[in-house]
Structures are given as C-alpha cells and as structure tokens.
Amino acid sequence: MTDLKYDTNGLIPVVVQDRRTNEVLMVAWANAETVGLMESTGYTHFWSRSRQKLWKKGEESGNVQRIVSIQTDCDADTLLVRVDQTGVACHLGKPSCFDEVLYGTTVSTMAVIPELARVIKDRKENPSDESYTCKLMNNETQMCKKVVEEAAEFVLSVKDGDADSASKELADLIYHVMVLAEAKELPVEKTYEELSERRQ
C-alpha cells in the first residue's frame, strides 16, 4: 500500500465526490487518524483546522457520507473519496459546496447531469400536474415508448450526418432514459458495474 504524504501540519486534502455522478461535493482535510477512521468505519471523518478537532461528516446534521472508494493521486499527497451522500453535502444546505461560478459557464459541462437528476427526483417526490416529467412518470407505456422513439431519432440523425440534430436527439434520449430509470428506481451502480466489464 502507498504511504501517504501529509503536509508539515500532518494533514492531507480530501476531495469528496458523489459515487453516482462524480459531482465534487466538498473538499476537507484529514490526518492519519481520520484516514484510519474512514478505513475502519466506512464513513468520512476529517480534521477541522479551525476547531482543531476530529469530526465525522453528518454527525450533527445526519448528512453522512458512506465511503465507496478511497484513491490517492500520483504524488500520494491528496485523497479522492467517492461516497453515497445522505442529504446534502454543503453546510449551507446545497447539494455541493461548489455552487458559485467565478469564471466561464458550466452550461456545456457534465455539471448538468447531477442537476437534471435532482430535478427529476424532485418531480417524482413532489408531483405537479404542469410538469412534463410528472406526466411521463404517471404513464409507464409512454415512458418506454419515448425512450425507443428518441433512440431511433438519434440513430437516424447520426446516419444522416446531422450533428446538430444528433446532439438534440441524444439530449432527448438521455433525459428520457433518466426519467425512466428514476421512476423505476434502477440502481445506477449496477449499470456502472456492467460498463466496467466492457472496458476490456
């Protein structure tokens, strides 16, 4: 096992990601003791530099993080921890601590995937008659038909060499697949396991 490199204060930065979406949830600090606690308990523990004490994420709020994996970078001086997040990660009540955009835009990035997933989940938990997503979820046959329809339109756009149309159809396909998967509560981690088998 690789020996971790702690800084002069005995600390190492920890980047925490959502295991399903790879969304960065937060960054914190750990020392050797809290790394040991993470490995022994399966939940994130950190060192508070301001309070000078150990703390378990969610010990007061209940928003705990169950660890799925811990990795280190090539220099062994930073940890990447993928977790199942209960509730929200940010102490301000936001899903992720990384909410404010200082430069550029996240519109053309994968940041939309966890955001869209949260909207779809919210529509399921708080249905509205005005919502197209809710109408889909109330009609299993329609949900399934839309996935087949959008898949066919995507393939035809690709075959026609129409990149703009293919991009739009792919967006429609991804959205409708996400709605169906959420409605049926399909465990996405099982899909990731299957995809792992296809890397060879």
Protein backbone atom coordinates (compact mmCIF):
# COMPACT_ATOMS: atom_id res chain seq x y z
CA MET A 1 0.00 0.00 0.00
CA THR A 2 1.22 3.50 -0.88
CA ASP A 3 2.46 5.64 2.02
CA LEU A 4 0.51 8.88 2.10
CA LYS A 5 2.39 12.18 2.19
CA TYR A 6 0.99 14.53 4.81
CA ASP A 7 1.96 18.22 4.91
CA THR A 8 4.02 19.83 7.68
CA ASN A 9 0.87 20.02 9.84
CA GLY A 10 0.23 16.31 9.38
CA LEU A 11 -2.72 16.93 7.03
CA ILE A 12 -3.76 15.79 3.58
CA PRO A 13 -6.53 17.34 1.40
CA VAL A 14 -9.56 15.17 0.65
CA VAL A 15 -11.75 15.69 -2.41
CA VAL A 16 -15.18 14.10 -1.94
CA GLN A 17 -17.22 13.04 -4.98
CA ASP A 18 -20.70 11.60 -5.40
CA ARG A 19 -20.25 7.98 -6.45
CA ARG A 20 -23.16 8.08 -8.91
CA THR A 21 -22.49 11.35 -10.76
CA ASN A 22 -18.83 12.15 -9.99
CA GLU A 23 -20.03 15.58 -8.82
CA VAL A 24 -17.47 17.15 -6.49
CA LEU A 25 -19.30 17.61 -3.19
CA MET A 26 -16.67 19.16 -0.93
CA VAL A 27 -13.01 19.41 -0.01
CA ALA A 28 -11.78 18.86 3.53
CA TRP A 29 -8.65 17.88 5.44
CA ALA A 30 -7.66 14.62 7.07
CA ASN A 31 -4.81 13.42 9.24
CA ALA A 32 -3.54 9.88 9.76
CA GLU A 33 -6.11 9.23 12.50
CA THR A 34 -9.09 10.33 10.42
CA VAL A 35 -7.86 8.36 7.40
CA GLY A 36 -7.74 5.34 9.71
CA LEU A 37 -11.27 6.06 10.89
CA MET A 38 -12.51 6.29 7.31
CA GLU A 39 -10.98 2.91 6.53
CA SER A 40 -12.30 1.25 9.69
CA THR A 41 -15.83 2.73 9.77
CA GLY A 42 -16.61 3.22 6.07
CA TYR A 43 -17.74 6.82 6.67
CA THR A 44 -15.92 10.10 6.08
CA HIS A 45 -14.06 11.67 9.00
CA PHE A 46 -11.99 14.82 8.79
CA TRP A 47 -9.77 17.17 10.80
CA SER A 48 -11.15 20.65 11.43
CA ARG A 49 -8.34 23.21 11.16
CA SER A 50 -10.49 25.93 12.73
CA ARG A 51 -11.71 23.85 15.68
CA GLN A 52 -8.58 21.70 15.92
CA LYS A 53 -10.59 18.51 16.36
CA LEU A 54 -11.77 15.38 14.59
CA TRP A 55 -15.24 15.35 13.11
CA LYS A 56 -17.45 12.88 11.30
CA LYS A 57 -19.31 14.31 8.33
CA GLY A 58 -23.01 14.46 9.21
CA GLU A 59 -22.56 13.73 12.90
CA GLU A 60 -24.94 16.58 13.73
CA SER A 61 -26.97 17.06 10.53
CA GLY A 62 -27.38 13.38 9.68
CA ASN A 63 -25.94 14.07 6.21
CA VAL A 64 -23.39 11.28 6.45
CA GLN A 65 -21.17 10.05 3.62
CA ARG A 66 -20.81 6.30 3.18
CA ILE A 67 -17.49 5.59 1.50
CA VAL A 68 -17.42 3.54 -1.69
CA SER A 69 -13.75 4.05 -2.55
CA ILE A 70 -10.64 5.94 -1.49
CA GLN A 71 -7.94 6.75 -4.03
CA THR A 72 -4.74 8.77 -3.92
CA ASP A 73 -3.15 10.86 -6.64
CA CYS A 74 0.18 10.09 -8.29
CA ASP A 75 2.11 12.02 -5.61
CA ALA A 76 0.18 10.37 -2.75
CA ASP A 77 -0.49 13.80 -1.23
CA THR A 78 -4.21 14.14 -2.00
CA LEU A 79 -7.14 11.76 -1.47
CA LEU A 80 -10.18 11.26 -3.68
CA VAL A 81 -13.11 9.72 -1.80
CA ARG A 82 -16.25 8.59 -3.62
CA VAL A 83 -19.32 8.39 -1.42
CA ASP A 84 -23.02 7.75 -1.15
CA GLN A 85 -24.21 11.10 0.19
CA THR A 86 -27.17 11.22 2.56
CA GLY A 87 -28.97 14.55 2.21
CA VAL A 88 -26.79 17.48 1.14
CA ALA A 89 -23.04 17.89 1.42
CA CYS A 90 -22.80 21.64 1.98
CA HIS A 91 -23.42 23.18 5.41
CA LEU A 92 -25.38 25.92 3.61
CA GLY A 93 -27.96 23.34 2.57
CA LYS A 94 -26.77 22.97 -1.01
CA PRO A 95 -26.08 19.60 -2.69
CA SER A 96 -22.44 20.58 -3.32
CA CYS A 97 -20.14 23.15 -1.75
CA PHE A 98 -19.09 24.10 -5.29
CA ASP A 99 -22.07 26.22 -6.28
CA GLU A 100 -20.73 29.61 -7.31
CA VAL A 101 -19.29 30.10 -10.80
CA LEU A 102 -16.41 32.60 -10.76
CA TYR A 103 -15.40 32.32 -14.41
CA GLY A 104 -16.98 30.97 -17.57
CA THR A 105 -20.05 28.75 -17.50
CA THR A 106 -20.90 25.16 -16.62
CA VAL A 107 -23.62 25.00 -19.29
CA SER A 108 -21.52 22.91 -21.69
CA THR A 109 -20.16 20.59 -18.99
CA MET A 110 -21.36 17.41 -17.29
CA ALA A 111 -22.48 19.53 -14.33
CA VAL A 112 -25.93 19.34 -15.89
CA ILE A 113 -26.25 15.60 -15.20
CA PRO A 114 -26.47 15.72 -11.38
CA GLU A 115 -28.56 18.91 -11.63
CA LEU A 116 -31.02 17.22 -14.01
CA ALA A 117 -31.06 14.08 -11.86
CA ARG A 118 -32.06 16.17 -8.84
CA VAL A 119 -34.86 17.88 -10.79
CA ILE A 120 -36.22 14.54 -12.00
CA LYS A 121 -36.07 13.10 -8.48
CA ASP A 122 -37.83 16.18 -7.11
CA ARG A 123 -40.61 15.81 -9.71
CA LYS A 124 -41.11 12.23 -8.54
CA GLU A 125 -41.22 13.22 -4.87
CA ASN A 126 -43.23 16.43 -5.40
CA PRO A 127 -45.50 15.79 -8.40
CA SER A 128 -47.09 18.64 -10.33
CA ASP A 129 -49.83 18.48 -12.96
CA GLU A 130 -47.94 21.07 -15.00
CA SER A 131 -44.73 19.02 -15.25
CA TYR A 132 -43.97 17.00 -18.39
CA THR A 133 -41.67 14.82 -16.29
CA CYS A 134 -44.51 14.01 -13.89
CA LYS A 135 -46.86 13.20 -16.76
CA LEU A 136 -44.28 10.76 -18.12
CA MET A 137 -43.80 9.10 -14.75
CA ASN A 138 -47.55 8.53 -14.49
CA ASN A 139 -47.60 6.60 -17.75
CA GLU A 140 -45.19 3.66 -17.91
CA THR A 141 -46.06 2.82 -21.52
CA GLN A 142 -45.42 6.40 -22.64
CA MET A 143 -42.10 6.50 -20.75
CA CYS A 144 -40.91 3.35 -22.52
CA LYS A 145 -42.18 4.47 -25.93
CA LYS A 146 -40.33 7.79 -25.62
CA VAL A 147 -37.02 6.03 -24.96
CA VAL A 148 -37.48 3.86 -28.07
CA GLU A 149 -38.62 6.85 -30.14
CA GLU A 150 -35.72 9.09 -29.09
CA ALA A 151 -33.19 6.29 -29.65
CA ALA A 152 -34.46 5.82 -33.20
CA GLU A 153 -34.39 9.57 -33.91
CA PHE A 154 -30.83 9.81 -32.56
CA VAL A 155 -29.62 6.97 -34.78
CA LEU A 156 -31.33 8.44 -37.87
CA SER A 157 -29.73 11.85 -37.21
CA VAL A 158 -26.31 10.23 -36.93
CA LYS A 159 -26.90 8.27 -40.13
CA ASP A 160 -27.93 11.49 -41.90
CA GLY A 161 -24.72 13.17 -40.74
CA ASP A 162 -26.65 15.92 -38.99
CA ALA A 163 -24.50 16.68 -35.92
CA ASP A 164 -26.79 19.43 -34.56
CA SER A 165 -29.87 17.26 -34.78
CA ALA A 166 -27.99 14.26 -33.34
CA SER A 167 -26.92 16.35 -30.33
CA LYS A 168 -30.52 17.37 -29.65
CA GLU A 169 -31.81 13.84 -30.09
CA LEU A 170 -29.10 12.48 -27.81
CA ALA A 171 -30.14 15.02 -25.16
CA ASP A 172 -33.75 13.86 -25.53
CA LEU A 173 -32.65 10.23 -25.24
CA ILE A 174 -30.54 10.84 -22.13
CA TYR A 175 -33.35 12.79 -20.46
CA HIS A 176 -36.00 10.13 -21.15
CA VAL A 177 -33.69 7.31 -20.02
CA MET A 178 -33.00 9.23 -16.79
CA VAL A 179 -36.74 9.72 -16.19
CA LEU A 180 -37.45 6.02 -16.74
CA ALA A 181 -34.53 4.94 -14.54
CA GLU A 182 -35.63 7.26 -11.71
CA ALA A 183 -39.27 6.24 -12.00
CA LYS A 184 -38.32 2.56 -11.72
CA GLU A 185 -35.58 3.25 -9.14
CA LEU A 186 -32.99 1.37 -11.17
CA PRO A 187 -29.68 1.10 -9.28
CA VAL A 188 -27.25 3.02 -11.50
CA GLU A 189 -24.28 1.41 -9.71
CA LYS A 190 -25.26 -1.90 -11.31
CA THR A 191 -25.04 -0.22 -14.71
CA TYR A 192 -21.57 1.09 -13.84
CA GLU A 193 -20.51 -2.43 -12.86
CA GLU A 194 -21.71 -3.71 -16.24
CA LEU A 195 -19.88 -0.91 -18.04
CA SER A 196 -16.71 -1.81 -16.11
CA GLU A 197 -16.90 -5.26 -17.67
CA ARG A 198 -16.98 -3.69 -21.13
CA ARG A 199 -13.71 -1.75 -20.75
CA GLN A 200 -11.69 -4.71 -21.98
